Amino acid sequence: MAVTLPRAGDVVHLTRAASVQFTNPIMFRVIRVLDWITYDHWVWLDGYQLGPTGDAVARRTVFVQQSGIRIINYSNTRGI
């Protein structure tokens, strides 16, 4: 099953399905998907954790399972 990775500008919902570190789910705006070497089906995301109003509250780099990434909205660059 192919998993779609987020792109710059996408907002994703990260829960325990993505990693055990997310016992409290977060919303995350992706800056980029890093090309670091990882385990199969895992990926590093660089971006901003979003607060309840959608504002960035912290810059983070997170290590998550690709199948656990839930893309909430797509950036305006899709399809271009």
PDB file of N, CA and C in Angstrom:
ATOM      1  N   MET A   1       0.849  -1.186   0.000  1.00  0.00           N
ATOM      2  CA  MET A   1       0.000   0.000   0.000  1.00  0.00           C
ATOM      3  C   MET A   1       0.890   1.243   0.000  1.00  0.00           C
ATOM      4  N   ALA A   2       0.709   2.104  -0.963  1.00  0.00           N
ATOM      5  CA  ALA A   2       1.506   3.320  -1.064  1.00  0.00           C
ATOM      6  C   ALA A   2       0.995   4.367  -0.079  1.00  0.00           C
ATOM      7  N   VAL A   3       1.922   5.021   0.577  1.00  0.00           N
ATOM      8  CA  VAL A   3       1.591   6.066   1.534  1.00  0.00           C
ATOM      9  C   VAL A   3       2.019   7.403   0.945  1.00  0.00           C
ATOM     10  N   THR A   4       1.112   8.374   0.960  1.00  0.00           N
ATOM     11  CA  THR A   4       1.426   9.708   0.458  1.00  0.00           C
ATOM     12  C   THR A   4       2.123  10.492   1.550  1.00  0.00           C
ATOM     13  N   LEU A   5       3.296  10.988   1.253  1.00  0.00           N
ATOM     14  CA  LEU A   5       4.018  11.818   2.203  1.00  0.00           C
ATOM     15  C   LEU A   5       3.543  13.259   2.094  1.00  0.00           C
ATOM     16  N   PRO A   6       3.558  13.978   3.205  1.00  0.00           N
ATOM     17  CA  PRO A   6       3.179  15.389   3.141  1.00  0.00           C
ATOM     18  C   PRO A   6       4.228  16.190   2.392  1.00  0.00           C
ATOM     19  N   ARG A   7       3.825  17.380   1.973  1.00  0.00           N
ATOM     20  CA  ARG A   7       4.731  18.305   1.300  1.00  0.00           C
ATOM     21  C   ARG A   7       4.764  19.600   2.088  1.00  0.00           C
ATOM     22  N   ALA A   8       5.679  20.463   1.749  1.00  0.00           N
ATOM     23  CA  ALA A   8       5.800  21.758   2.424  1.00  0.00           C
ATOM     24  C   ALA A   8       4.455  22.469   2.438  1.00  0.00           C
ATOM     25  N   GLY A   9       4.058  22.939   3.602  1.00  0.00           N
ATOM     26  CA  GLY A   9       2.799  23.647   3.756  1.00  0.00           C
ATOM     27  C   GLY A   9       1.647  22.792   4.221  1.00  0.00           C
ATOM     28  N   ASP A  10       1.763  21.473   4.088  1.00  0.00           N
ATOM     29  CA  ASP A  10       0.690  20.591   4.539  1.00  0.00           C
ATOM     30  C   ASP A  10       0.588  20.605   6.061  1.00  0.00           C
ATOM     31  N   VAL A  11      -0.638  20.477   6.556  1.00  0.00           N
ATOM     32  CA  VAL A  11      -0.881  20.315   7.986  1.00  0.00           C
ATOM     33  C   VAL A  11      -1.232  18.854   8.211  1.00  0.00           C
ATOM     34  N   VAL A  12      -0.555  18.237   9.174  1.00  0.00           N
ATOM     35  CA  VAL A  12      -0.797  16.830   9.475  1.00  0.00           C
ATOM     36  C   VAL A  12      -1.195  16.675  10.932  1.00  0.00           C
ATOM     37  N   HIS A  13      -1.962  15.632  11.193  1.00  0.00           N
ATOM     38  CA  HIS A  13      -2.365  15.278  12.550  1.00  0.00           C
ATOM     39  C   HIS A  13      -1.505  14.088  12.956  1.00  0.00           C
ATOM     40  N   LEU A  14      -0.759  14.239  14.036  1.00  0.00           N
ATOM     41  CA  LEU A  14       0.134  13.186  14.497  1.00  0.00           C
ATOM     42  C   LEU A  14      -0.384  12.628  15.816  1.00  0.00           C
ATOM     43  N   THR A  15      -0.625  11.315  15.833  1.00  0.00           N
ATOM     44  CA  THR A  15      -1.120  10.615  17.008  1.00  0.00           C
ATOM     45  C   THR A  15      -0.186   9.458  17.331  1.00  0.00           C
ATOM     46  N   ARG A  16      -0.586   8.618  18.274  1.00  0.00           N
ATOM     47  CA  ARG A  16       0.212   7.437  18.609  1.00  0.00           C
ATOM     48  C   ARG A  16       0.390   6.509  17.412  1.00  0.00           C
ATOM     49  N   ALA A  17      -0.474   6.617  16.420  1.00  0.00           N
ATOM     50  CA  ALA A  17      -0.315   5.819  15.202  1.00  0.00           C
ATOM     51  C   ALA A  17       0.965   6.197  14.467  1.00  0.00           C
ATOM     52  N   ALA A  18       1.398   7.448  14.635  1.00  0.00           N
ATOM     53  CA  ALA A  18       2.627   7.929  13.999  1.00  0.00           C
ATOM     54  C   ALA A  18       3.847   7.614  14.856  1.00  0.00           C
ATOM     55  N   SER A  19       3.707   7.733  16.181  1.00  0.00           N
ATOM     56  CA  SER A  19       4.818   7.467  17.094  1.00  0.00           C
ATOM     57  C   SER A  19       4.299   7.482  18.527  1.00  0.00           C
ATOM     58  N   VAL A  20       4.915   6.681  19.377  1.00  0.00           N
ATOM     59  CA  VAL A  20       4.504   6.626  20.782  1.00  0.00           C
ATOM     60  C   VAL A  20       4.727   7.946  21.498  1.00  0.00           C
ATOM     61  N   GLN A  21       5.541   8.830  20.941  1.00  0.00           N
ATOM     62  CA  GLN A  21       5.782  10.122  21.590  1.00  0.00           C
ATOM     63  C   GLN A  21       4.538  11.012  21.593  1.00  0.00           C
ATOM     64  N   PHE A  22       3.549  10.696  20.752  1.00  0.00           N
ATOM     65  CA  PHE A  22       2.361  11.535  20.637  1.00  0.00           C
ATOM     66  C   PHE A  22       1.199  10.957  21.444  1.00  0.00           C
ATOM     67  N   THR A  23       1.420  10.799  22.764  1.00  0.00           N
ATOM     68  CA  THR A  23       0.325  10.375  23.635  1.00  0.00           C
ATOM     69  C   THR A  23      -0.762  11.443  23.633  1.00  0.00           C
ATOM     70  N   ASN A  24      -0.348  12.685  23.480  1.00  0.00           N
ATOM     71  CA  ASN A  24      -1.260  13.804  23.238  1.00  0.00           C
ATOM     72  C   ASN A  24      -1.078  14.202  21.781  1.00  0.00           C
ATOM     73  N   PRO A  25      -2.074  13.953  20.939  1.00  0.00           N
ATOM     74  CA  PRO A  25      -1.948  14.259  19.511  1.00  0.00           C
ATOM     75  C   PRO A  25      -1.642  15.739  19.272  1.00  0.00           C
ATOM     76  N   ILE A  26      -0.945  16.003  18.160  1.00  0.00           N
ATOM     77  CA  ILE A  26      -0.628  17.382  17.792  1.00  0.00           C
ATOM     78  C   ILE A  26      -0.958  17.624  16.325  1.00  0.00           C
ATOM     79  N   MET A  27      -1.159  18.894  16.002  1.00  0.00           N
ATOM     80  CA  MET A  27      -1.247  19.339  14.618  1.00  0.00           C
ATOM     81  C   MET A  27       0.134  19.887  14.273  1.00  0.00           C
ATOM     82  N   PHE A  28       0.581  19.647  13.050  1.00  0.00           N
ATOM     83  CA  PHE A  28       1.955  19.948  12.668  1.00  0.00           C
ATOM     84  C   PHE A  28       1.968  20.463  11.238  1.00  0.00           C
ATOM     85  N   ARG A  29       2.546  21.657  11.028  1.00  0.00           N
ATOM     86  CA  ARG A  29       2.693  22.194   9.660  1.00  0.00           C
ATOM     87  C   ARG A  29       4.081  21.833   9.158  1.00  0.00           C
ATOM     88  N   VAL A  30       4.120  21.113   8.041  1.00  0.00           N
ATOM     89  CA  VAL A  30       5.370  20.594   7.488  1.00  0.00           C
ATOM     90  C   VAL A  30       6.127  21.685   6.745  1.00  0.00           C
ATOM     91  N   ILE A  31       7.411  21.806   7.073  1.00  0.00           N
ATOM     92  CA  ILE A  31       8.316  22.657   6.298  1.00  0.00           C
ATOM     93  C   ILE A  31       8.940  21.809   5.195  1.00  0.00           C
ATOM     94  N   ARG A  32       9.392  20.616   5.601  1.00  0.00           N
ATOM     95  CA  ARG A  32       9.994  19.701   4.623  1.00  0.00           C
ATOM     96  C   ARG A  32      10.075  18.302   5.202  1.00  0.00           C
ATOM     97  N   VAL A  33      10.152  17.337   4.299  1.00  0.00           N
ATOM     98  CA  VAL A  33      10.429  15.950   4.669  1.00  0.00           C
ATOM     99  C   VAL A  33      11.929  15.785   4.493  1.00  0.00           C
ATOM    100  N   LEU A  34      12.597  15.433   5.570  1.00  0.00           N
ATOM    101  CA  LEU A  34      14.058  15.323   5.528  1.00  0.00           C
ATOM    102  C   LEU A  34      14.464  14.022   4.837  1.00  0.00           C
ATOM    103  N   ASP A  35      15.585  14.049   4.149  1.00  0.00           N
ATOM    104  CA  ASP A  35      16.044  12.863   3.422  1.00  0.00           C
ATOM    105  C   ASP A  35      17.068  12.064   4.227  1.00  0.00           C
ATOM    106  N   TRP A  36      16.947  12.106   5.542  1.00  0.00           N
ATOM    107  CA  TRP A  36      17.851  11.356   6.408  1.00  0.00           C
ATOM    108  C   TRP A  36      17.559   9.866   6.309  1.00  0.00           C
ATOM    109  N   ILE A  37      18.580   9.054   6.449  1.00  0.00           N
ATOM    110  CA  ILE A  37      18.425   7.607   6.410  1.00  0.00           C
ATOM    111  C   ILE A  37      17.709   7.153   7.684  1.00  0.00           C
ATOM    112  N   THR A  38      16.665   6.323   7.506  1.00  0.00           N
ATOM    113  CA  THR A  38      15.864   5.851   8.640  1.00  0.00           C
ATOM    114  C   THR A  38      15.537   4.379   8.457  1.00  0.00           C
ATOM    115  N   TYR A  39      14.771   3.868   9.407  1.00  0.00           N
ATOM    116  CA  TYR A  39      14.214   2.525   9.261  1.00  0.00           C
ATOM    117  C   TYR A  39      13.162   2.562   8.165  1.00  0.00           C
ATOM    118  N   ASP A  40      12.869   1.384   7.583  1.00  0.00           N
ATOM    119  CA  ASP A  40      11.831   1.306   6.556  1.00  0.00           C
ATOM    120  C   ASP A  40      10.514   1.825   7.101  1.00  0.00           C
ATOM    121  N   HIS A  41       9.839   2.619   6.293  1.00  0.00           N
ATOM    122  CA  HIS A  41       8.503   3.146   6.575  1.00  0.00           C
ATOM    123  C   HIS A  41       8.479   4.203   7.684  1.00  0.00           C
ATOM    124  N   TRP A  42       9.612   4.761   8.021  1.00  0.00           N
ATOM    125  CA  TRP A  42       9.707   5.870   8.978  1.00  0.00           C
ATOM    126  C   TRP A  42      10.287   7.068   8.243  1.00  0.00           C
ATOM    127  N   VAL A  43       9.999   8.270   8.745  1.00  0.00           N
ATOM    128  CA  VAL A  43      10.456   9.490   8.077  1.00  0.00           C
ATOM    129  C   VAL A  43      10.635  10.602   9.109  1.00  0.00           C
ATOM    130  N   TRP A  44      11.573  11.487   8.835  1.00  0.00           N
ATOM    131  CA  TRP A  44      11.771  12.687   9.658  1.00  0.00           C
ATOM    132  C   TRP A  44      11.031  13.842   9.003  1.00  0.00           C
ATOM    133  N   LEU A  45      10.227  14.566   9.801  1.00  0.00           N
ATOM    134  CA  LEU A  45       9.528  15.765   9.329  1.00  0.00           C
ATOM    135  C   LEU A  45      10.053  16.969  10.082  1.00  0.00           C
ATOM    136  N   ASP A  46      10.301  18.038   9.359  1.00  0.00           N
ATOM    137  CA  ASP A  46      10.729  19.307   9.953  1.00  0.00           C
ATOM    138  C   ASP A  46       9.552  20.261   9.809  1.00  0.00           C
ATOM    139  N   GLY A  47       9.203  20.961  10.897  1.00  0.00           N
ATOM    140  CA  GLY A  47       8.074  21.869  10.799  1.00  0.00           C
ATOM    141  C   GLY A  47       7.733  22.544  12.109  1.00  0.00           C
ATOM    142  N   TYR A  48       6.473  22.947  12.215  1.00  0.00           N
ATOM    143  CA  TYR A  48       5.989  23.682  13.384  1.00  0.00           C
ATOM    144  C   TYR A  48       4.812  22.966  14.020  1.00  0.00           C
ATOM    145  N   GLN A  49       4.886  22.789  15.332  1.00  0.00           N
ATOM    146  CA  GLN A  49       3.728  22.318  16.075  1.00  0.00           C
ATOM    147  C   GLN A  49       2.754  23.482  16.155  1.00  0.00           C
ATOM    148  N   LEU A  50       1.471  23.187  15.916  1.00  0.00           N
ATOM    149  CA  LEU A  50       0.455  24.230  15.913  1.00  0.00           C
ATOM    150  C   LEU A  50      -0.356  24.193  17.198  1.00  0.00           C
ATOM    151  N   GLY A  51      -0.724  25.369  17.672  1.00  0.00           N
ATOM    152  CA  GLY A  51      -1.561  25.490  18.856  1.00  0.00           C
ATOM    153  C   GLY A  51      -3.033  25.389  18.483  1.00  0.00           C
ATOM    154  N   PRO A  52      -3.919  25.558  19.474  1.00  0.00           N
ATOM    155  CA  PRO A  52      -5.364  25.423  19.250  1.00  0.00           C
ATOM    156  C   PRO A  52      -5.934  26.392  18.215  1.00  0.00           C
ATOM    157  N   THR A  53      -5.303  27.551  18.045  1.00  0.00           N
ATOM    158  CA  THR A  53      -5.796  28.533  17.070  1.00  0.00           C
ATOM    159  C   THR A  53      -5.120  28.406  15.706  1.00  0.00           C
ATOM    160  N   GLY A  54      -4.212  27.425  15.572  1.00  0.00           N
ATOM    161  CA  GLY A  54      -3.521  27.220  14.303  1.00  0.00           C
ATOM    162  C   GLY A  54      -2.219  27.976  14.178  1.00  0.00           C
ATOM    163  N   ASP A  55      -1.831  28.699  15.224  1.00  0.00           N
ATOM    164  CA  ASP A  55      -0.563  29.424  15.216  1.00  0.00           C
ATOM    165  C   ASP A  55       0.580  28.488  15.591  1.00  0.00           C
ATOM    166  N   ALA A  56       1.750  28.740  15.027  1.00  0.00           N
ATOM    167  CA  ALA A  56       2.925  27.955  15.374  1.00  0.00           C
ATOM    168  C   ALA A  56       3.328  28.240  16.825  1.00  0.00           C
ATOM    169  N   VAL A  57       3.534  27.166  17.595  1.00  0.00           N
ATOM    170  CA  VAL A  57       3.938  27.338  18.991  1.00  0.00           C
ATOM    171  C   VAL A  57       5.342  26.802  19.255  1.00  0.00           C
ATOM    172  N   ALA A  58       5.845  25.925  18.361  1.00  0.00           N
ATOM    173  CA  ALA A  58       7.196  25.379  18.546  1.00  0.00           C
ATOM    174  C   ALA A  58       7.710  24.827  17.228  1.00  0.00           C
ATOM    175  N   ARG A  59       8.979  25.072  16.961  1.00  0.00           N
ATOM    176  CA  ARG A  59       9.642  24.461  15.798  1.00  0.00           C
ATOM    177  C   ARG A  59      10.117  23.092  16.248  1.00  0.00           C
ATOM    178  N   ARG A  60       9.831  22.040  15.452  1.00  0.00           N
ATOM    179  CA  ARG A  60      10.196  20.679  15.840  1.00  0.00           C
ATOM    180  C   ARG A  60      10.643  19.874  14.634  1.00  0.00           C
ATOM    181  N   THR A  61      11.445  18.872  14.917  1.00  0.00           N
ATOM    182  CA  THR A  61      11.779  17.835  13.953  1.00  0.00           C
ATOM    183  C   THR A  61      11.315  16.535  14.589  1.00  0.00           C
ATOM    184  N   VAL A  62      10.428  15.814  13.897  1.00  0.00           N
ATOM    185  CA  VAL A  62       9.818  14.621  14.476  1.00  0.00           C
ATOM    186  C   VAL A  62      10.093  13.398  13.608  1.00  0.00           C
ATOM    187  N   PHE A  63      10.190  12.244  14.267  1.00  0.00           N
ATOM    188  CA  PHE A  63      10.453  10.963  13.625  1.00  0.00           C
ATOM    189  C   PHE A  63       9.169  10.151  13.714  1.00  0.00           C
ATOM    190  N   VAL A  64       8.542   9.865  12.567  1.00  0.00           N
ATOM    191  CA  VAL A  64       7.220   9.237  12.571  1.00  0.00           C
ATOM    192  C   VAL A  64       7.109   8.116  11.547  1.00  0.00           C
ATOM    193  N   GLN A  65       6.154   7.214  11.791  1.00  0.00           N
ATOM    194  CA  GLN A  65       5.840   6.165  10.829  1.00  0.00           C
ATOM    195  C   GLN A  65       5.003   6.771   9.700  1.00  0.00           C
ATOM    196  N   GLN A  66       5.352   6.459   8.491  1.00  0.00           N
ATOM    197  CA  GLN A  66       4.643   7.023   7.344  1.00  0.00           C
ATOM    198  C   GLN A  66       3.158   6.691   7.376  1.00  0.00           C
ATOM    199  N   SER A  67       2.810   5.472   7.762  1.00  0.00           N
ATOM    200  CA  SER A  67       1.404   5.061   7.753  1.00  0.00           C
ATOM    201  C   SER A  67       0.577   5.772   8.825  1.00  0.00           C
ATOM    202  N   GLY A  68       1.227   6.390   9.812  1.00  0.00           N
ATOM    203  CA  GLY A  68       0.511   7.078  10.872  1.00  0.00           C
ATOM    204  C   GLY A  68       0.312   8.561  10.626  1.00  0.00           C
ATOM    205  N   ILE A  69       0.820   9.065   9.498  1.00  0.00           N
ATOM    206  CA  ILE A  69       0.676  10.490   9.168  1.00  0.00           C
ATOM    207  C   ILE A  69      -0.694  10.709   8.532  1.00  0.00           C
ATOM    208  N   ARG A  70      -1.494  11.568   9.142  1.00  0.00           N
ATOM    209  CA  ARG A  70      -2.815  11.895   8.587  1.00  0.00           C
ATOM    210  C   ARG A  70      -2.782  13.336   8.082  1.00  0.00           C
ATOM    211  N   ILE A  71      -2.803  13.492   6.762  1.00  0.00           N
ATOM    212  CA  ILE A  71      -2.755  14.827   6.163  1.00  0.00           C
ATOM    213  C   ILE A  71      -4.138  15.466   6.289  1.00  0.00           C
ATOM    214  N   ILE A  72      -4.182  16.633   6.937  1.00  0.00           N
ATOM    215  CA  ILE A  72      -5.442  17.331   7.173  1.00  0.00           C
ATOM    216  C   ILE A  72      -5.796  18.226   5.995  1.00  0.00           C
ATOM    217  N   ASN A  73      -4.854  19.026   5.533  1.00  0.00           N
ATOM    218  CA  ASN A  73      -5.108  19.831   4.339  1.00  0.00           C
ATOM    219  C   ASN A  73      -3.846  19.880   3.509  1.00  0.00           C
ATOM    220  N   TYR A  74      -4.024  20.072   2.258  1.00  0.00           N
ATOM    221  CA  TYR A  74      -2.921  20.062   1.314  1.00  0.00           C
ATOM    222  C   TYR A  74      -2.472  21.489   1.022  1.00  0.00           C
ATOM    223  N   SER A  75      -1.183  21.641   0.791  1.00  0.00           N
ATOM    224  CA  SER A  75      -0.659  22.959   0.431  1.00  0.00           C
ATOM    225  C   SER A  75      -1.191  23.371  -0.932  1.00  0.00           C
ATOM    226  N   ASN A  76      -1.087  24.635  -1.220  1.00  0.00           N
ATOM    227  CA  ASN A  76      -1.585  25.160  -2.495  1.00  0.00           C
ATOM    228  C   ASN A  76      -0.736  24.714  -3.675  1.00  0.00           C
ATOM    229  N   THR A  77       0.381  24.054  -3.432  1.00  0.00           N
ATOM    230  CA  THR A  77       1.265  23.663  -4.535  1.00  0.00           C
ATOM    231  C   THR A  77       0.888  22.318  -5.122  1.00  0.00           C
ATOM    232  N   ARG A  78      -0.096  21.621  -4.579  1.00  0.00           N
ATOM    233  CA  ARG A  78      -0.489  20.321  -5.125  1.00  0.00           C
ATOM    234  C   ARG A  78      -1.021  20.504  -6.547  1.00  0.00           C
ATOM    235  N   GLY A  79      -0.600  19.613  -7.392  1.00  0.00           N
ATOM    236  CA  GLY A  79      -1.116  19.626  -8.755  1.00  0.00           C
ATOM    237  C   GLY A  79      -0.455  20.615  -9.693  1.00  0.00           C
ATOM    238  N   ILE A  80       0.537  21.339  -9.207  1.00  0.00           N
ATOM    239  CA  ILE A  80       1.225  22.314 -10.064  1.00  0.00           C
ATOM    240  C   ILE A  80       2.430  21.655 -10.688  1.00  0.00           C
TER     241      ILE A  80
END
